[in-house]
C-alpha atoms as a PDB file:
ATOM      1  CA  MET A   1     -19.065 -19.969  31.801  1.00  0.00           C
ATOM      2  CA  GLU A   2     -21.933 -17.689  30.963  1.00  0.00           C
ATOM      3  CA  VAL A   3     -19.694 -15.051  29.146  1.00  0.00           C
ATOM      4  CA  LEU A   4     -18.410 -18.351  27.309  1.00  0.00           C
ATOM      5  CA  THR A   5     -21.111 -18.858  26.222  1.00  0.00           C
ATOM      6  CA  GLU A   6     -22.763 -15.561  25.499  1.00  0.00           C
ATOM      7  CA  ALA A   7     -19.395 -14.646  23.347  1.00  0.00           C
ATOM      8  CA  TRP A   8     -20.030 -17.737  21.362  1.00  0.00           C
ATOM      9  CA  GLU A   9     -23.950 -16.361  20.511  1.00  0.00           C
ATOM     10  CA  ASP A  10     -22.597 -13.083  19.511  1.00  0.00           C
ATOM     11  CA  THR A  11     -19.831 -14.338  17.258  1.00  0.00           C
ATOM     12  CA  LYS A  12     -22.474 -16.911  15.681  1.00  0.00           C
ATOM     13  CA  GLY A  13     -24.958 -13.518  15.106  1.00  0.00           C
ATOM     14  CA  GLN A  14     -22.482 -10.689  15.054  1.00  0.00           C
ATOM     15  CA  LYS A  15     -23.723  -9.259  17.463  1.00  0.00           C
ATOM     16  CA  VAL A  16     -21.652  -6.313  18.263  1.00  0.00           C
ATOM     17  CA  PRO A  17     -21.689  -3.367  20.873  1.00  0.00           C
ATOM     18  CA  SER A  18     -23.797   0.022  18.841  1.00  0.00           C
ATOM     19  CA  ILE A  19     -21.194   2.844  20.156  1.00  0.00           C
ATOM     20  CA  ALA A  20     -21.021   6.671  18.646  1.00  0.00           C
ATOM     21  CA  LYS A  21     -19.500   6.862  15.246  1.00  0.00           C
ATOM     22  CA  ALA A  22     -16.284   8.207  16.416  1.00  0.00           C
ATOM     23  CA  TRP A  23     -15.558   5.463  18.794  1.00  0.00           C
ATOM     24  CA  ALA A  24     -16.328   2.779  15.915  1.00  0.00           C
ATOM     25  CA  ALA A  25     -13.842   4.375  13.901  1.00  0.00           C
ATOM     26  CA  ILE A  26     -11.391   4.525  16.605  1.00  0.00           C
ATOM     27  CA  CYS A  27     -12.435   0.909  17.682  1.00  0.00           C
ATOM     28  CA  LEU A  28     -12.015   0.360  13.630  1.00  0.00           C
ATOM     29  CA  LEU A  29      -8.413   1.198  13.477  1.00  0.00           C
ATOM     30  CA  LEU A  30      -7.167  -0.332  16.620  1.00  0.00           C
ATOM     31  CA  ASN A  31      -8.316  -3.721  16.020  1.00  0.00           C
ATOM     32  CA  VAL A  32      -6.339  -3.095  11.811  1.00  0.00           C
ATOM     33  CA  PHE A  33      -3.082  -2.481  13.867  1.00  0.00           C
ATOM     34  CA  LEU A  34      -3.757  -4.123  17.071  1.00  0.00           C
ATOM     35  CA  PRO A  35      -6.437  -6.842  16.722  1.00  0.00           C
ATOM     36  CA  GLY A  36      -9.034  -7.627  19.413  1.00  0.00           C
ATOM     37  CA  VAL A  37      -8.511  -4.106  20.870  1.00  0.00           C
ATOM     38  CA  GLY A  38     -10.569  -2.321  19.196  1.00  0.00           C
ATOM     39  CA  SER A  39     -13.079  -4.998  19.705  1.00  0.00           C
ATOM     40  CA  ALA A  40     -12.408  -4.778  23.643  1.00  0.00           C
ATOM     41  CA  VAL A  41     -12.384  -1.281  24.296  1.00  0.00           C
ATOM     42  CA  ALA A  42     -15.955  -0.966  22.160  1.00  0.00           C
ATOM     43  CA  GLY A  43     -16.710  -3.777  24.423  1.00  0.00           C
ATOM     44  CA  ILE A  44     -15.532  -2.043  28.060  1.00  0.00           C
ATOM     45  CA  MET A  45     -17.801   0.849  26.426  1.00  0.00           C
ATOM     46  CA  GLU A  46     -21.006  -0.785  26.621  1.00  0.00           C
ATOM     47  CA  LYS A  47     -20.262  -3.334  29.390  1.00  0.00           C
ATOM     48  CA  ARG A  48     -20.479  -6.208  26.993  1.00  0.00           C
ATOM     49  CA  TRP A  49     -18.152  -8.885  28.961  1.00  0.00           C
ATOM     50  CA  SER A  50     -18.770 -10.867  25.969  1.00  0.00           C
ATOM     51  CA  THR A  51     -16.905  -8.370  23.479  1.00  0.00           C
ATOM     52  CA  VAL A  52     -14.287  -7.886  25.847  1.00  0.00           C
ATOM     53  CA  LEU A  53     -13.901 -11.895  25.572  1.00  0.00           C
ATOM     54  CA  ILE A  54     -13.824 -12.114  21.931  1.00  0.00           C
ATOM     55  CA  GLY A  55     -11.039  -9.129  21.686  1.00  0.00           C
ATOM     56  CA  VAL A  56      -8.789 -11.208  24.217  1.00  0.00           C
ATOM     57  CA  LEU A  57      -9.699 -14.034  21.714  1.00  0.00           C
ATOM     58  CA  GLN A  58      -8.816 -11.969  18.614  1.00  0.00           C
ATOM     59  CA  LEU A  59      -5.363 -10.715  19.843  1.00  0.00           C
ATOM     60  CA  ALA A  60      -4.574 -14.434  21.512  1.00  0.00           C
ATOM     61  CA  THR A  61      -5.167 -15.511  17.626  1.00  0.00           C
ATOM     62  CA  CYS A  62      -3.934 -13.115  15.794  1.00  0.00           C
ATOM     63  CA  TRP A  63      -0.367 -14.763  15.060  1.00  0.00           C
ATOM     64  CA  PHE A  64      -2.745 -17.351  13.481  1.00  0.00           C
ATOM     65  CA  ILE A  65      -3.778 -14.840  11.051  1.00  0.00           C
ATOM     66  CA  VAL A  66      -7.258 -16.035  11.585  1.00  0.00           C
ATOM     67  CA  GLY A  67      -7.298 -13.646  14.895  1.00  0.00           C
ATOM     68  CA  TRP A  68      -6.336 -10.401  12.717  1.00  0.00           C
ATOM     69  CA  ILE A  69      -9.005 -10.669  10.068  1.00  0.00           C
ATOM     70  CA  TRP A  70     -11.948 -11.726  12.502  1.00  0.00           C
ATOM     71  CA  SER A  71     -10.491  -8.374  14.607  1.00  0.00           C
ATOM     72  CA  ILE A  72     -11.141  -6.460  11.180  1.00  0.00           C
ATOM     73  CA  TYR A  73     -14.663  -7.778  10.074  1.00  0.00           C
ATOM     74  CA  TRP A  74     -15.257  -7.143  13.299  1.00  0.00           C
ATOM     75  CA  GLY A  75     -14.048  -3.425  14.028  1.00  0.00           C
ATOM     76  CA  TYR A  76     -16.149  -3.128  10.377  1.00  0.00           C
ATOM     77  CA  LEU A  77     -19.272  -4.364  11.811  1.00  0.00           C
ATOM     78  CA  ILE A  78     -18.425  -2.507  14.775  1.00  0.00           C
ATOM     79  CA  ALA A  79     -18.341   0.787  12.903  1.00  0.00           C
ATOM     80  CA  TYR A  80     -21.283  -0.393  10.268  1.00  0.00           C
ATOM     81  CA  TYR A  81     -23.452  -0.519  13.619  1.00  0.00           C
ATOM     82  CA  SER A  82     -22.541   2.583  15.383  1.00  0.00           C
ATOM     83  CA  THR A  83     -24.873   5.285  16.192  1.00  0.00           C
ATOM     84  CA  GLY A  84     -24.882   9.253  16.082  1.00  0.00           C
END
């Protein structure tokens, strides 16, 4: 239940993992072509299980277009806040 609360807070606050720029670019591309996968990869890299859950939710809702748009936006945020 804690992961759900954390995922909700991350989504509201647009808190994304801060990963290396090269990985962030890969995660962005993954989120564009495989919605949620890039978010899940970034979450796994940073051990942020709430972000992994967000990636799973993006994948589950991509059929409604909402998840796909959310995934692209989240990929953009990951790239924007990347380090290095």
